[in-house]
Amino acid sequence: MVYSIYQDMEEVWKNPNKWVNHGRLVLENSCKHRTQDESKENTNTEYSGYCDECNIFEDSANPVMNYLYPLELNDFEENKILKVVKETNCTVLENQDSGEWFLALCGGGMNLSQDIAYSYIILETWIPQDLLKEVAKQPLLSLGKKNYKKLAREVLRQLKINSDNFKQKRKEWKEVLKNFKDSERAKLQE
């Protein structure tokens, strides 16, 4: 799996029929507390600033960095997408033309690998191996204490699985090489 791919976000913004921002849609449907204009129907995040009740900003879930992080799955529960939007600096995008789904960053200026990895945990329950090696270790870099602990435990769990898998592969290779050497010796003795 590719860790990230370049995508001009301007193209995403200009093509809403091609790109669906599921994070933004779920967010808009979840916040019905305030509007800027009281004559309007209470239609979610049409206010200026921040909703204290939902703990979201008006511009939350809008991708800004020119990279996408491919998702292997392509069907997610709305509550999981909302959790990604509320607890990380990510949103969930779908390319309608290809049917592919992605994570996209909604912030930048610092290492947000913890947010990306935690988003994968929320949506897919695992962190892609390429990303697993790159997740920033610094406590509380971009996640709060509770989510940082969840991330750290999952990174450790997956590293253990990978380590065990590599140990098993090493053992298998050693056995194959030994058998090959033994068969070569046997041929020489004939």
Protein backbone atom coordinates (compact mmCIF):
# COMPACT_ATOMS: atom_id res chain seq x y z
CA MET A 1 0.00 0.00 0.00
CA VAL A 2 1.21 3.50 -0.80
CA TYR A 3 1.64 5.69 2.28
CA SER A 4 0.47 8.89 0.53
CA ILE A 5 -0.19 10.22 -2.93
CA TYR A 6 -0.06 13.76 -4.25
CA GLN A 7 -3.41 15.37 -5.02
CA ASP A 8 -3.97 19.03 -5.82
CA MET A 9 -6.69 20.03 -3.34
CA GLU A 10 -7.82 22.83 -5.62
CA GLU A 11 -8.99 20.13 -8.04
CA VAL A 12 -10.88 18.48 -5.17
CA TRP A 13 -12.55 21.75 -4.18
CA LYS A 14 -13.51 22.61 -7.77
CA ASN A 15 -15.04 19.19 -8.55
CA PRO A 16 -17.68 18.35 -5.93
CA ASN A 17 -19.36 15.92 -8.34
CA LYS A 18 -16.14 13.91 -8.56
CA TRP A 19 -14.93 14.32 -4.97
CA VAL A 20 -17.26 13.71 -2.04
CA ASN A 21 -16.08 15.02 1.33
CA HIS A 22 -17.84 12.52 3.58
CA GLY A 23 -16.26 14.05 6.68
CA ARG A 24 -17.75 17.44 5.94
CA LEU A 25 -21.17 15.99 5.05
CA VAL A 26 -21.37 13.99 8.27
CA LEU A 27 -20.17 17.00 10.26
CA GLU A 28 -22.76 19.30 8.70
CA ASN A 29 -25.52 16.80 9.45
CA SER A 30 -24.41 16.34 13.06
CA CYS A 31 -24.36 19.98 14.25
CA LYS A 32 -27.74 21.68 14.40
CA HIS A 33 -27.11 24.12 17.23
CA ARG A 34 -26.59 27.56 15.74
CA THR A 35 -26.94 29.51 12.58
CA GLN A 36 -25.58 32.91 11.74
CA ASP A 37 -28.99 34.03 10.47
CA GLU A 38 -31.86 33.13 12.79
CA SER A 39 -34.30 33.40 9.88
CA LYS A 40 -32.64 30.35 8.34
CA GLU A 41 -33.50 26.81 9.30
CA ASN A 42 -31.08 25.37 11.84
CA THR A 43 -28.91 23.68 9.25
CA ASN A 44 -25.76 22.87 11.08
CA THR A 45 -22.46 24.68 10.67
CA GLU A 46 -23.78 27.82 9.00
CA TYR A 47 -22.47 29.94 11.85
CA SER A 48 -19.30 31.86 12.18
CA GLY A 49 -16.62 30.37 14.34
CA TYR A 50 -17.00 27.55 16.81
CA CYS A 51 -19.85 25.40 18.17
CA ASP A 52 -19.27 24.81 21.87
CA GLU A 53 -21.84 22.02 22.03
CA CYS A 54 -20.25 19.99 19.21
CA ASN A 55 -16.66 21.10 19.76
CA ILE A 56 -16.23 21.87 16.05
CA PHE A 57 -15.20 24.82 13.94
CA GLU A 58 -17.13 26.13 10.98
CA ASP A 59 -14.29 25.15 8.65
CA SER A 60 -13.63 21.72 10.18
CA ALA A 61 -13.27 18.79 7.76
CA ASN A 62 -12.02 20.88 4.84
CA PRO A 63 -8.88 19.34 3.30
CA VAL A 64 -5.95 21.71 2.85
CA MET A 65 -2.81 19.65 2.26
CA ASN A 66 -2.04 18.28 -1.21
CA TYR A 67 -1.75 14.65 -0.13
CA LEU A 68 -4.21 11.80 0.18
CA TYR A 69 -3.84 8.67 2.28
CA PRO A 70 -5.53 5.67 0.60
CA LEU A 71 -8.06 3.66 2.54
CA GLU A 72 -8.41 -0.03 1.80
CA LEU A 73 -12.07 -0.18 2.78
CA ASN A 74 -14.75 1.90 1.11
CA ASP A 75 -17.78 1.79 3.36
CA PHE A 76 -17.71 3.47 6.74
CA GLU A 77 -20.29 4.12 9.43
CA GLU A 78 -21.11 7.80 9.81
CA ASN A 79 -20.23 7.73 13.52
CA LYS A 80 -16.68 6.59 12.64
CA ILE A 81 -16.27 9.32 10.03
CA LEU A 82 -17.54 11.89 12.55
CA LYS A 83 -15.06 10.56 15.13
CA VAL A 84 -12.22 11.05 12.63
CA VAL A 85 -13.34 14.63 11.95
CA LYS A 86 -13.79 15.53 15.61
CA GLU A 87 -10.71 13.79 17.05
CA THR A 88 -8.11 14.32 14.33
CA ASN A 89 -7.02 16.84 11.73
CA CYS A 90 -8.39 14.60 8.96
CA THR A 91 -11.45 14.12 6.80
CA VAL A 92 -12.65 11.30 4.58
CA LEU A 93 -12.87 11.83 0.81
CA GLU A 94 -14.25 9.64 -1.95
CA ASN A 95 -13.30 9.85 -5.60
CA GLN A 96 -16.62 9.10 -7.33
CA ASP A 97 -14.88 8.35 -10.64
CA SER A 98 -12.60 5.64 -9.28
CA GLY A 99 -14.59 4.56 -6.22
CA GLU A 100 -11.47 5.03 -4.07
CA TRP A 101 -11.62 6.47 -0.56
CA PHE A 102 -8.93 8.52 1.17
CA LEU A 103 -7.98 10.36 4.30
CA ALA A 104 -7.00 13.99 3.78
CA LEU A 105 -5.39 16.42 6.20
CA CYS A 106 -7.38 19.47 7.31
CA GLY A 107 -4.41 21.13 8.96
CA GLY A 108 -0.72 21.40 8.53
CA GLY A 109 2.44 23.07 9.69
CA MET A 110 3.58 20.19 11.88
CA ASN A 111 3.96 16.43 11.81
CA LEU A 112 0.41 15.09 11.80
CA SER A 113 1.33 11.43 11.33
CA GLN A 114 -0.34 10.62 14.65
CA ASP A 115 -3.64 12.03 13.37
CA ILE A 116 -3.39 10.06 10.14
CA ALA A 117 -2.51 6.84 11.96
CA TYR A 118 -5.26 7.33 14.54
CA SER A 119 -7.76 7.96 11.72
CA TYR A 120 -6.78 4.63 10.17
CA ILE A 121 -7.36 2.94 13.54
CA ILE A 122 -10.84 4.49 13.81
CA LEU A 123 -11.86 3.57 10.27
CA GLU A 124 -10.01 0.35 9.47
CA THR A 125 -8.68 -0.84 12.86
CA TRP A 126 -5.10 -1.02 11.53
CA ILE A 127 -2.30 1.29 10.44
CA PRO A 128 -0.74 0.70 7.01
CA GLN A 129 2.74 -0.77 7.38
CA ASP A 130 4.45 2.10 5.51
CA LEU A 131 2.85 4.61 7.88
CA LEU A 132 3.47 2.45 10.94
CA LYS A 133 7.21 3.03 10.55
CA GLU A 134 6.74 6.81 10.25
CA VAL A 135 4.35 7.70 13.08
CA ALA A 136 5.82 10.40 15.31
CA LYS A 137 6.62 9.04 18.77
CA GLN A 138 6.45 12.32 20.70
CA PRO A 139 3.68 12.15 23.31
CA LEU A 140 0.82 14.58 22.84
CA LEU A 141 2.23 16.01 19.61
CA SER A 142 -1.13 16.34 17.91
CA LEU A 143 -3.43 14.01 19.85
CA GLY A 144 -4.75 14.32 23.38
CA LYS A 145 -3.63 11.97 26.16
CA LYS A 146 -6.43 9.41 25.75
CA ASN A 147 -6.07 9.11 21.96
CA TYR A 148 -2.28 9.17 22.12
CA LYS A 149 -2.39 6.16 24.47
CA LYS A 150 -4.76 4.32 22.10
CA LEU A 151 -2.45 5.10 19.19
CA ALA A 152 0.69 4.01 21.07
CA ARG A 153 -0.92 0.72 22.15
CA GLU A 154 -2.01 -0.03 18.58
CA VAL A 155 1.41 0.84 17.15
CA LEU A 156 3.05 -1.49 19.67
CA ARG A 157 0.53 -4.26 18.93
CA GLN A 158 1.08 -4.04 15.19
CA LEU A 159 4.86 -3.82 15.53
CA LYS A 160 4.79 -7.01 17.61
CA ILE A 161 2.72 -8.77 14.96
CA ASN A 162 5.11 -7.58 12.25
CA SER A 163 8.11 -8.62 14.32
CA ASP A 164 6.66 -12.09 14.91
CA ASN A 165 5.87 -12.42 11.21
CA PHE A 166 9.42 -11.43 10.26
CA LYS A 167 10.87 -13.88 12.78
CA GLN A 168 8.76 -16.66 11.28
CA LYS A 169 9.79 -15.67 7.73
CA ARG A 170 13.46 -15.63 8.81
CA LYS A 171 13.07 -19.10 10.28
CA GLU A 172 11.46 -20.36 7.05
CA TRP A 173 14.24 -18.85 4.90
CA LYS A 174 16.92 -20.38 7.10
CA GLU A 175 15.27 -23.79 6.72
CA VAL A 176 14.95 -23.42 2.93
CA LEU A 177 18.60 -22.34 2.64
CA LYS A 178 19.74 -25.25 4.84
CA ASN A 179 17.76 -27.72 2.70
CA PHE A 180 19.22 -26.19 -0.47
CA LYS A 181 22.78 -26.47 0.86
CA ASP A 182 22.13 -30.07 1.96
CA SER A 183 20.81 -30.99 -1.50
CA GLU A 184 23.85 -29.33 -3.15
CA ARG A 185 26.19 -31.30 -0.90
CA ALA A 186 24.33 -34.52 -1.69
CA LYS A 187 24.70 -33.85 -5.44
CA LEU A 188 28.45 -33.29 -5.02
CA GLN A 189 28.82 -36.58 -3.14
CA GLU A 190 27.12 -38.60 -5.89
